[in-house]
Amino acid sequence: MLPMLPHFARTKAPRLLIATLLLTLAAATSACGSESPTEAARPGERPGAGSEQVFHITTLHLDGKTNINGAGDHSPEPFPATAPKSSGGFIVKPPDPKGEWSVRAFAFHPSQVVVRQGDTVMLNFVGVQGSSHNIAVDGQPEQLALKRGEMKSVRFVADQPGIVRFVSVGREPTMQGSVLVLPSNGS
Protein backbone atom coordinates (compact mmCIF):
# COMPACT_ATOMS: atom_id res chain seq x y z
CA MET A 1 0.00 0.00 0.00
CA LEU A 2 2.87 2.41 0.65
CA PRO A 3 3.85 2.59 -3.07
CA MET A 4 0.34 3.99 -3.72
CA LEU A 5 0.77 6.76 -1.14
CA PRO A 6 2.50 9.34 -3.38
CA HIS A 7 -0.25 8.99 -6.02
CA PHE A 8 -3.00 9.01 -3.40
CA ALA A 9 -1.53 12.06 -1.66
CA ARG A 10 -1.89 14.10 -4.88
CA THR A 11 -5.58 13.27 -5.27
CA LYS A 12 -8.59 15.00 -3.74
CA ALA A 13 -9.34 11.99 -1.55
CA PRO A 14 -7.34 13.10 1.52
CA ARG A 15 -8.89 16.57 1.45
CA LEU A 16 -12.34 15.06 0.99
CA LEU A 17 -11.83 12.67 3.89
CA ILE A 18 -10.58 15.47 6.16
CA ALA A 19 -13.51 17.72 5.17
CA THR A 20 -15.99 14.93 5.89
CA LEU A 21 -14.42 14.17 9.26
CA LEU A 22 -14.46 17.87 10.20
CA LEU A 23 -18.12 18.13 9.19
CA THR A 24 -18.95 15.08 11.29
CA LEU A 25 -17.02 16.46 14.27
CA ALA A 26 -18.65 19.88 13.95
CA ALA A 27 -22.11 18.35 13.81
CA ALA A 28 -21.38 16.10 16.78
CA THR A 29 -20.07 18.91 18.98
CA SER A 30 -23.08 21.09 18.27
CA ALA A 31 -25.55 18.42 19.43
CA CYS A 32 -27.80 19.10 22.40
CA GLY A 33 -27.01 17.75 25.84
CA SER A 34 -23.94 17.68 28.01
CA GLU A 35 -22.78 14.21 26.98
CA SER A 36 -20.53 14.00 23.95
CA PRO A 37 -22.51 12.09 21.29
CA THR A 38 -19.36 10.60 19.84
CA GLU A 39 -18.43 8.90 23.13
CA ALA A 40 -21.21 6.35 22.69
CA ALA A 41 -19.71 5.25 19.38
CA ARG A 42 -16.22 4.47 20.69
CA PRO A 43 -15.35 0.77 20.61
CA GLY A 44 -15.17 -0.84 24.02
CA GLU A 45 -17.21 1.81 25.81
CA ARG A 46 -20.68 1.13 27.15
CA PRO A 47 -23.35 3.77 26.80
CA GLY A 48 -25.44 4.21 29.95
CA ALA A 49 -28.69 2.23 29.89
CA GLY A 50 -31.69 4.47 29.47
CA SER A 51 -29.66 7.46 28.31
CA GLU A 52 -29.95 9.32 25.03
CA GLN A 53 -27.34 8.38 22.42
CA VAL A 54 -26.88 10.82 19.53
CA PHE A 55 -25.02 9.89 16.34
CA HIS A 56 -24.23 11.84 13.17
CA ILE A 57 -23.97 9.56 10.15
CA THR A 58 -22.66 11.03 6.91
CA THR A 59 -23.27 9.89 3.35
CA LEU A 60 -20.06 9.29 1.42
CA HIS A 61 -18.79 7.95 -1.84
CA LEU A 62 -15.31 6.58 -2.29
CA ASP A 63 -13.71 6.95 -5.72
CA GLY A 64 -10.91 4.96 -7.27
CA LYS A 65 -9.62 6.20 -10.63
CA THR A 66 -6.74 4.88 -12.68
CA ASN A 67 -5.54 4.28 -16.25
CA ILE A 68 -4.70 1.14 -18.23
CA ASN A 69 -1.69 3.03 -19.70
CA GLY A 70 -0.36 4.47 -16.44
CA ALA A 71 0.36 8.12 -15.83
CA GLY A 72 3.46 9.87 -14.49
CA ASP A 73 4.88 7.72 -11.70
CA HIS A 74 1.75 5.54 -11.54
CA SER A 75 2.02 2.10 -13.14
CA PRO A 76 -0.58 0.94 -15.66
CA GLU A 77 -3.56 -0.84 -14.10
CA PRO A 78 -5.50 -3.20 -16.35
CA PHE A 79 -9.27 -3.28 -16.08
CA PRO A 80 -10.18 -6.41 -14.06
CA ALA A 81 -11.40 -9.36 -16.08
CA THR A 82 -13.82 -10.20 -13.26
CA ALA A 83 -15.08 -6.70 -12.48
CA PRO A 84 -18.35 -6.82 -10.52
CA LYS A 85 -21.49 -5.53 -12.15
CA SER A 86 -22.49 -2.01 -11.24
CA SER A 87 -25.36 -1.45 -8.84
CA GLY A 88 -26.82 1.63 -7.20
CA GLY A 89 -24.16 1.57 -4.48
CA PHE A 90 -21.22 0.32 -6.53
CA ILE A 91 -20.39 1.78 -9.94
CA VAL A 92 -17.68 0.41 -12.22
CA LYS A 93 -16.83 2.36 -15.39
CA PRO A 94 -14.72 0.50 -17.97
CA PRO A 95 -11.81 2.22 -19.74
CA ASP A 96 -12.69 5.21 -21.90
CA PRO A 97 -10.79 6.04 -25.14
CA LYS A 98 -7.94 7.54 -23.05
CA GLY A 99 -7.69 4.32 -20.99
CA GLU A 100 -9.12 5.85 -17.80
CA TRP A 101 -11.41 3.68 -15.67
CA SER A 102 -12.99 4.10 -12.25
CA VAL A 103 -14.85 2.54 -9.35
CA ARG A 104 -17.24 4.34 -6.97
CA ALA A 105 -18.77 2.89 -3.80
CA PHE A 106 -21.35 4.66 -1.63
CA ALA A 107 -21.21 4.22 2.15
CA PHE A 108 -22.35 5.56 5.51
CA HIS A 109 -19.81 6.83 8.03
CA PRO A 110 -19.91 5.47 10.64
CA SER A 111 -21.70 2.39 9.40
CA GLN A 112 -22.20 0.84 12.83
CA VAL A 113 -22.96 2.31 16.24
CA VAL A 114 -23.48 0.57 19.58
CA VAL A 115 -26.11 1.32 22.25
CA ARG A 116 -27.69 -0.46 25.22
CA GLN A 117 -31.21 -1.79 25.44
CA GLY A 118 -33.41 0.96 26.86
CA ASP A 119 -31.39 3.82 25.34
CA THR A 120 -33.11 6.47 23.28
CA VAL A 121 -31.28 6.62 19.95
CA MET A 122 -31.06 9.68 17.70
CA LEU A 123 -29.63 9.02 14.24
CA ASN A 124 -28.85 12.27 12.43
CA PHE A 125 -28.17 11.50 8.75
CA VAL A 126 -26.06 14.21 7.08
CA GLY A 127 -26.09 14.44 3.27
CA VAL A 128 -22.49 15.03 2.23
CA GLN A 129 -22.07 13.11 -1.02
CA GLY A 130 -24.64 11.83 -3.46
CA SER A 131 -27.28 14.31 -4.56
CA SER A 132 -30.05 12.45 -2.74
CA HIS A 133 -30.74 9.36 -0.65
CA ASN A 134 -33.88 7.57 0.50
CA ILE A 135 -32.91 6.15 3.87
CA ALA A 136 -34.92 3.32 5.42
CA VAL A 137 -34.46 2.42 9.09
CA ASP A 138 -35.83 -0.85 10.53
CA GLY A 139 -38.97 -0.23 12.56
CA GLN A 140 -39.60 3.23 11.11
CA PRO A 141 -42.76 3.62 9.02
CA GLU A 142 -41.36 6.17 6.56
CA GLN A 143 -38.14 6.61 4.64
CA LEU A 144 -36.09 9.79 5.03
CA ALA A 145 -35.68 11.77 1.79
CA LEU A 146 -32.21 13.26 2.27
CA LYS A 147 -30.50 15.70 -0.10
CA ARG A 148 -26.92 16.93 -0.07
CA GLY A 149 -26.44 19.59 2.60
CA GLU A 150 -29.44 18.47 4.66
CA MET A 151 -29.72 16.65 7.95
CA LYS A 152 -32.68 14.37 8.69
CA SER A 153 -33.19 12.57 12.00
CA VAL A 154 -34.78 9.40 13.32
CA ARG A 155 -35.40 8.88 17.02
CA PHE A 156 -36.40 5.62 18.67
CA VAL A 157 -36.05 3.63 21.88
CA ALA A 158 -33.83 0.57 21.55
CA ASP A 159 -36.27 -1.65 23.43
CA GLN A 160 -34.93 -5.02 22.23
CA PRO A 161 -31.35 -6.33 21.95
CA GLY A 162 -30.29 -7.09 18.41
CA ILE A 163 -29.61 -5.14 15.23
CA VAL A 164 -31.48 -2.18 13.77
CA ARG A 165 -30.46 -1.82 10.13
CA PHE A 166 -30.44 1.31 7.99
CA VAL A 167 -29.91 1.49 4.24
CA SER A 168 -29.92 3.99 1.41
CA VAL A 169 -32.58 2.37 -0.78
CA GLY A 170 -31.21 1.67 -4.25
CA ARG A 171 -27.57 2.07 -3.19
CA GLU A 172 -27.15 -1.46 -1.90
CA PRO A 173 -25.13 -3.51 -1.23
CA THR A 174 -22.48 -1.04 -0.05
CA MET A 175 -24.58 1.70 1.55
CA GLN A 176 -25.99 0.09 4.64
CA GLY A 177 -25.34 0.24 8.35
CA SER A 178 -26.61 -0.87 11.72
CA VAL A 179 -27.28 0.02 15.31
CA LEU A 180 -26.09 -2.82 17.55
CA VAL A 181 -28.31 -2.94 20.63
CA LEU A 182 -26.60 -4.73 23.53
CA PRO A 183 -28.72 -6.29 26.29
CA SER A 184 -29.20 -4.01 29.28
CA ASN A 185 -27.86 -6.65 31.68
CA GLY A 186 -24.42 -6.47 30.01
CA SER A 187 -24.30 -10.08 28.84
C-alpha atoms as a PDB file:
ATOM      1  CA  MET A   1       0.000   0.000   0.000  1.00  0.00           C
ATOM      2  CA  LEU A   2       2.867   2.410   0.646  1.00  0.00           C
ATOM      3  CA  PRO A   3       3.854   2.591  -3.065  1.00  0.00           C
ATOM      4  CA  MET A   4       0.345   3.989  -3.717  1.00  0.00           C
ATOM      5  CA  LEU A   5       0.766   6.757  -1.136  1.00  0.00           C
ATOM      6  CA  PRO A   6       2.498   9.338  -3.380  1.00  0.00           C
ATOM      7  CA  HIS A   7      -0.247   8.992  -6.019  1.00  0.00           C
ATOM      8  CA  PHE A   8      -3.004   9.008  -3.402  1.00  0.00           C
ATOM      9  CA  ALA A   9      -1.528  12.060  -1.662  1.00  0.00           C
ATOM     10  CA  ARG A  10      -1.889  14.097  -4.879  1.00  0.00           C
ATOM     11  CA  THR A  11      -5.582  13.275  -5.266  1.00  0.00           C
ATOM     12  CA  LYS A  12      -8.586  14.998  -3.738  1.00  0.00           C
ATOM     13  CA  ALA A  13      -9.344  11.987  -1.551  1.00  0.00           C
ATOM     14  CA  PRO A  14      -7.337  13.102   1.523  1.00  0.00           C
ATOM     15  CA  ARG A  15      -8.892  16.572   1.453  1.00  0.00           C
ATOM     16  CA  LEU A  16     -12.340  15.062   0.988  1.00  0.00           C
ATOM     17  CA  LEU A  17     -11.835  12.674   3.893  1.00  0.00           C
ATOM     18  CA  ILE A  18     -10.582  15.473   6.159  1.00  0.00           C
ATOM     19  CA  ALA A  19     -13.510  17.724   5.170  1.00  0.00           C
ATOM     20  CA  THR A  20     -15.986  14.932   5.888  1.00  0.00           C
ATOM     21  CA  LEU A  21     -14.418  14.172   9.262  1.00  0.00           C
ATOM     22  CA  LEU A  22     -14.464  17.868  10.200  1.00  0.00           C
ATOM     23  CA  LEU A  23     -18.124  18.127   9.188  1.00  0.00           C
ATOM     24  CA  THR A  24     -18.955  15.078  11.294  1.00  0.00           C
ATOM     25  CA  LEU A  25     -17.024  16.456  14.273  1.00  0.00           C
ATOM     26  CA  ALA A  26     -18.649  19.884  13.955  1.00  0.00           C
ATOM     27  CA  ALA A  27     -22.112  18.347  13.814  1.00  0.00           C
ATOM     28  CA  ALA A  28     -21.377  16.099  16.783  1.00  0.00           C
ATOM     29  CA  THR A  29     -20.068  18.913  18.983  1.00  0.00           C
ATOM     30  CA  SER A  30     -23.085  21.094  18.265  1.00  0.00           C
ATOM     31  CA  ALA A  31     -25.549  18.424  19.431  1.00  0.00           C
ATOM     32  CA  CYS A  32     -27.805  19.095  22.403  1.00  0.00           C
ATOM     33  CA  GLY A  33     -27.012  17.751  25.838  1.00  0.00           C
ATOM     34  CA  SER A  34     -23.944  17.677  28.013  1.00  0.00           C
ATOM     35  CA  GLU A  35     -22.783  14.210  26.979  1.00  0.00           C
ATOM     36  CA  SER A  36     -20.534  13.997  23.952  1.00  0.00           C
ATOM     37  CA  PRO A  37     -22.511  12.093  21.289  1.00  0.00           C
ATOM     38  CA  THR A  38     -19.356  10.595  19.844  1.00  0.00           C
ATOM     39  CA  GLU A  39     -18.425   8.905  23.130  1.00  0.00           C
ATOM     40  CA  ALA A  40     -21.209   6.349  22.689  1.00  0.00           C
ATOM     41  CA  ALA A  41     -19.709   5.249  19.376  1.00  0.00           C
ATOM     42  CA  ARG A  42     -16.220   4.466  20.693  1.00  0.00           C
ATOM     43  CA  PRO A  43     -15.346   0.768  20.608  1.00  0.00           C
ATOM     44  CA  GLY A  44     -15.174  -0.841  24.025  1.00  0.00           C
ATOM     45  CA  GLU A  45     -17.210   1.806  25.807  1.00  0.00           C
ATOM     46  CA  ARG A  46     -20.676   1.129  27.150  1.00  0.00           C
ATOM     47  CA  PRO A  47     -23.353   3.771  26.801  1.00  0.00           C
ATOM     48  CA  GLY A  48     -25.441   4.210  29.950  1.00  0.00           C
ATOM     49  CA  ALA A  49     -28.689   2.234  29.893  1.00  0.00           C
ATOM     50  CA  GLY A  50     -31.693   4.469  29.474  1.00  0.00           C
ATOM     51  CA  SER A  51     -29.665   7.459  28.314  1.00  0.00           C
ATOM     52  CA  GLU A  52     -29.949   9.319  25.025  1.00  0.00           C
ATOM     53  CA  GLN A  53     -27.342   8.380  22.422  1.00  0.00           C
ATOM     54  CA  VAL A  54     -26.884  10.822  19.531  1.00  0.00           C
ATOM     55  CA  PHE A  55     -25.023   9.892  16.345  1.00  0.00           C
ATOM     56  CA  HIS A  56     -24.232  11.842  13.173  1.00  0.00           C
ATOM     57  CA  ILE A  57     -23.974   9.563  10.155  1.00  0.00           C
ATOM     58  CA  THR A  58     -22.662  11.035   6.915  1.00  0.00           C
ATOM     59  CA  THR A  59     -23.273   9.892   3.348  1.00  0.00           C
ATOM     60  CA  LEU A  60     -20.063   9.287   1.415  1.00  0.00           C
ATOM     61  CA  HIS A  61     -18.786   7.952  -1.837  1.00  0.00           C
ATOM     62  CA  LEU A  62     -15.305   6.580  -2.292  1.00  0.00           C
ATOM     63  CA  ASP A  63     -13.715   6.950  -5.717  1.00  0.00           C
ATOM     64  CA  GLY A  64     -10.913   4.958  -7.268  1.00  0.00           C
ATOM     65  CA  LYS A  65      -9.616   6.199 -10.631  1.00  0.00           C
ATOM     66  CA  THR A  66      -6.742   4.883 -12.685  1.00  0.00           C
ATOM     67  CA  ASN A  67      -5.541   4.279 -16.253  1.00  0.00           C
ATOM     68  CA  ILE A  68      -4.698   1.144 -18.225  1.00  0.00           C
ATOM     69  CA  ASN A  69      -1.693   3.028 -19.700  1.00  0.00           C
ATOM     70  CA  GLY A  70      -0.361   4.471 -16.444  1.00  0.00           C
ATOM     71  CA  ALA A  71       0.360   8.122 -15.834  1.00  0.00           C
ATOM     72  CA  GLY A  72       3.457   9.873 -14.490  1.00  0.00           C
ATOM     73  CA  ASP A  73       4.876   7.723 -11.698  1.00  0.00           C
ATOM     74  CA  HIS A  74       1.751   5.538 -11.540  1.00  0.00           C
ATOM     75  CA  SER A  75       2.020   2.102 -13.141  1.00  0.00           C
ATOM     76  CA  PRO A  76      -0.580   0.937 -15.662  1.00  0.00           C
ATOM     77  CA  GLU A  77      -3.563  -0.844 -14.099  1.00  0.00           C
ATOM     78  CA  PRO A  78      -5.504  -3.197 -16.352  1.00  0.00           C
ATOM     79  CA  PHE A  79      -9.269  -3.278 -16.081  1.00  0.00           C
ATOM     80  CA  PRO A  80     -10.178  -6.410 -14.057  1.00  0.00           C
ATOM     81  CA  ALA A  81     -11.400  -9.358 -16.080  1.00  0.00           C
ATOM     82  CA  THR A  82     -13.821 -10.198 -13.260  1.00  0.00           C
ATOM     83  CA  ALA A  83     -15.083  -6.698 -12.482  1.00  0.00           C
ATOM     84  CA  PRO A  84     -18.348  -6.816 -10.517  1.00  0.00           C
ATOM     85  CA  LYS A  85     -21.495  -5.530 -12.150  1.00  0.00           C
ATOM     86  CA  SER A  86     -22.492  -2.007 -11.242  1.00  0.00           C
ATOM     87  CA  SER A  87     -25.363  -1.446  -8.837  1.00  0.00           C
ATOM     88  CA  GLY A  88     -26.823   1.634  -7.203  1.00  0.00           C
ATOM     89  CA  GLY A  89     -24.164   1.569  -4.485  1.00  0.00           C
ATOM     90  CA  PHE A  90     -21.225   0.323  -6.533  1.00  0.00           C
ATOM     91  CA  ILE A  91     -20.394   1.784  -9.944  1.00  0.00           C
ATOM     92  CA  VAL A  92     -17.680   0.409 -12.224  1.00  0.00           C
ATOM     93  CA  LYS A  93     -16.832   2.358 -15.388  1.00  0.00           C
ATOM     94  CA  PRO A  94     -14.716   0.502 -17.972  1.00  0.00           C
ATOM     95  CA  PRO A  95     -11.811   2.219 -19.743  1.00  0.00           C
ATOM     96  CA  ASP A  96     -12.692   5.214 -21.897  1.00  0.00           C
ATOM     97  CA  PRO A  97     -10.791   6.036 -25.144  1.00  0.00           C
ATOM     98  CA  LYS A  98      -7.942   7.535 -23.053  1.00  0.00           C
ATOM     99  CA  GLY A  99      -7.689   4.319 -20.986  1.00  0.00           C
ATOM    100  CA  GLU A 100      -9.115   5.847 -17.795  1.00  0.00           C
ATOM    101  CA  TRP A 101     -11.414   3.678 -15.667  1.00  0.00           C
ATOM    102  CA  SER A 102     -12.986   4.103 -12.253  1.00  0.00           C
ATOM    103  CA  VAL A 103     -14.850   2.542  -9.351  1.00  0.00           C
ATOM    104  CA  ARG A 104     -17.239   4.345  -6.972  1.00  0.00           C
ATOM    105  CA  ALA A 105     -18.766   2.890  -3.803  1.00  0.00           C
ATOM    106  CA  PHE A 106     -21.347   4.658  -1.630  1.00  0.00           C
ATOM    107  CA  ALA A 107     -21.215   4.222   2.148  1.00  0.00           C
ATOM    108  CA  PHE A 108     -22.355   5.561   5.514  1.00  0.00           C
ATOM    109  CA  HIS A 109     -19.808   6.833   8.030  1.00  0.00           C
ATOM    110  CA  PRO A 110     -19.910   5.469  10.636  1.00  0.00           C
ATOM    111  CA  SER A 111     -21.697   2.392   9.396  1.00  0.00           C
ATOM    112  CA  GLN A 112     -22.202   0.840  12.831  1.00  0.00           C
ATOM    113  CA  VAL A 113     -22.963   2.307  16.237  1.00  0.00           C
ATOM    114  CA  VAL A 114     -23.478   0.572  19.580  1.00  0.00           C
ATOM    115  CA  VAL A 115     -26.107   1.318  22.246  1.00  0.00           C
ATOM    116  CA  ARG A 116     -27.690  -0.458  25.215  1.00  0.00           C
ATOM    117  CA  GLN A 117     -31.210  -1.793  25.442  1.00  0.00           C
ATOM    118  CA  GLY A 118     -33.412   0.963  26.864  1.00  0.00           C
ATOM    119  CA  ASP A 119     -31.390   3.817  25.342  1.00  0.00           C
ATOM    120  CA  THR A 120     -33.114   6.467  23.282  1.00  0.00           C
ATOM    121  CA  VAL A 121     -31.275   6.618  19.947  1.00  0.00           C
ATOM    122  CA  MET A 122     -31.061   9.675  17.704  1.00  0.00           C
ATOM    123  CA  LEU A 123     -29.627   9.019  14.244  1.00  0.00           C
ATOM    124  CA  ASN A 124     -28.846  12.274  12.426  1.00  0.00           C
ATOM    125  CA  PHE A 125     -28.168  11.504   8.754  1.00  0.00           C
ATOM    126  CA  VAL A 126     -26.058  14.212   7.081  1.00  0.00           C
ATOM    127  CA  GLY A 127     -26.095  14.441   3.265  1.00  0.00           C
ATOM    128  CA  VAL A 128     -22.488  15.033   2.232  1.00  0.00           C
ATOM    129  CA  GLN A 129     -22.071  13.107  -1.022  1.00  0.00           C
ATOM    130  CA  GLY A 130     -24.642  11.831  -3.465  1.00  0.00           C
ATOM    131  CA  SER A 131     -27.278  14.313  -4.562  1.00  0.00           C
ATOM    132  CA  SER A 132     -30.046  12.451  -2.735  1.00  0.00           C
ATOM    133  CA  HIS A 133     -30.737   9.358  -0.647  1.00  0.00           C
ATOM    134  CA  ASN A 134     -33.884   7.575   0.504  1.00  0.00           C
ATOM    135  CA  ILE A 135     -32.913   6.147   3.871  1.00  0.00           C
ATOM    136  CA  ALA A 136     -34.924   3.323   5.422  1.00  0.00           C
ATOM    137  CA  VAL A 137     -34.464   2.421   9.091  1.00  0.00           C
ATOM    138  CA  ASP A 138     -35.828  -0.848  10.531  1.00  0.00           C
ATOM    139  CA  GLY A 139     -38.968  -0.232  12.561  1.00  0.00           C
ATOM    140  CA  GLN A 140     -39.600   3.233  11.112  1.00  0.00           C
ATOM    141  CA  PRO A 141     -42.763   3.616   9.018  1.00  0.00           C
ATOM    142  CA  GLU A 142     -41.361   6.170   6.557  1.00  0.00           C
ATOM    143  CA  GLN A 143     -38.139   6.613   4.638  1.00  0.00           C
ATOM    144  CA  LEU A 144     -36.086   9.787   5.027  1.00  0.00           C
ATOM    145  CA  ALA A 145     -35.679  11.767   1.788  1.00  0.00           C
ATOM    146  CA  LEU A 146     -32.210  13.262   2.273  1.00  0.00           C
ATOM    147  CA  LYS A 147     -30.495  15.698  -0.102  1.00  0.00           C
ATOM    148  CA  ARG A 148     -26.921  16.932  -0.075  1.00  0.00           C
ATOM    149  CA  GLY A 149     -26.437  19.594   2.600  1.00  0.00           C
ATOM    150  CA  GLU A 150     -29.439  18.473   4.656  1.00  0.00           C
ATOM    151  CA  MET A 151     -29.722  16.647   7.950  1.00  0.00           C
ATOM    152  CA  LYS A 152     -32.680  14.375   8.694  1.00  0.00           C
ATOM    153  CA  SER A 153     -33.192  12.570  11.996  1.00  0.00           C
ATOM    154  CA  VAL A 154     -34.779   9.401  13.317  1.00  0.00           C
ATOM    155  CA  ARG A 155     -35.400   8.883  17.018  1.00  0.00           C
ATOM    156  CA  PHE A 156     -36.400   5.619  18.666  1.00  0.00           C
ATOM    157  CA  VAL A 157     -36.048   3.634  21.876  1.00  0.00           C
ATOM    158  CA  ALA A 158     -33.834   0.566  21.547  1.00  0.00           C
ATOM    159  CA  ASP A 159     -36.267  -1.646  23.427  1.00  0.00           C
ATOM    160  CA  GLN A 160     -34.933  -5.025  22.228  1.00  0.00           C
ATOM    161  CA  PRO A 161     -31.353  -6.329  21.952  1.00  0.00           C
ATOM    162  CA  GLY A 162     -30.285  -7.087  18.406  1.00  0.00           C
ATOM    163  CA  ILE A 163     -29.607  -5.139  15.225  1.00  0.00           C
ATOM    164  CA  VAL A 164     -31.483  -2.182  13.770  1.00  0.00           C
ATOM    165  CA  ARG A 165     -30.458  -1.823  10.129  1.00  0.00           C
ATOM    166  CA  PHE A 166     -30.443   1.308   7.989  1.00  0.00           C
ATOM    167  CA  VAL A 167     -29.911   1.492   4.244  1.00  0.00           C
ATOM    168  CA  SER A 168     -29.920   3.986   1.409  1.00  0.00           C
ATOM    169  CA  VAL A 169     -32.576   2.368  -0.781  1.00  0.00           C
ATOM    170  CA  GLY A 170     -31.210   1.671  -4.254  1.00  0.00           C
ATOM    171  CA  ARG A 171     -27.572   2.065  -3.192  1.00  0.00           C
ATOM    172  CA  GLU A 172     -27.152  -1.459  -1.901  1.00  0.00           C
ATOM    173  CA  PRO A 173     -25.131  -3.508  -1.230  1.00  0.00           C
ATOM    174  CA  THR A 174     -22.481  -1.043  -0.050  1.00  0.00           C
ATOM    175  CA  MET A 175     -24.576   1.700   1.554  1.00  0.00           C
ATOM    176  CA  GLN A 176     -25.992   0.094   4.643  1.00  0.00           C
ATOM    177  CA  GLY A 177     -25.338   0.241   8.350  1.00  0.00           C
ATOM    178  CA  SER A 178     -26.608  -0.872  11.723  1.00  0.00           C
ATOM    179  CA  VAL A 179     -27.279   0.019  15.311  1.00  0.00           C
ATOM    180  CA  LEU A 180     -26.086  -2.820  17.546  1.00  0.00           C
ATOM    181  CA  VAL A 181     -28.307  -2.942  20.633  1.00  0.00           C
ATOM    182  CA  LEU A 182     -26.604  -4.725  23.533  1.00  0.00           C
ATOM    183  CA  PRO A 183     -28.717  -6.294  26.287  1.00  0.00           C
ATOM    184  CA  SER A 184     -29.200  -4.011  29.282  1.00  0.00           C
ATOM    185  CA  ASN A 185     -27.863  -6.647  31.684  1.00  0.00           C
ATOM    186  CA  GLY A 186     -24.423  -6.466  30.009  1.00  0.00           C
ATOM    187  CA  SER A 187     -24.298 -10.077  28.841  1.00  0.00           C
END
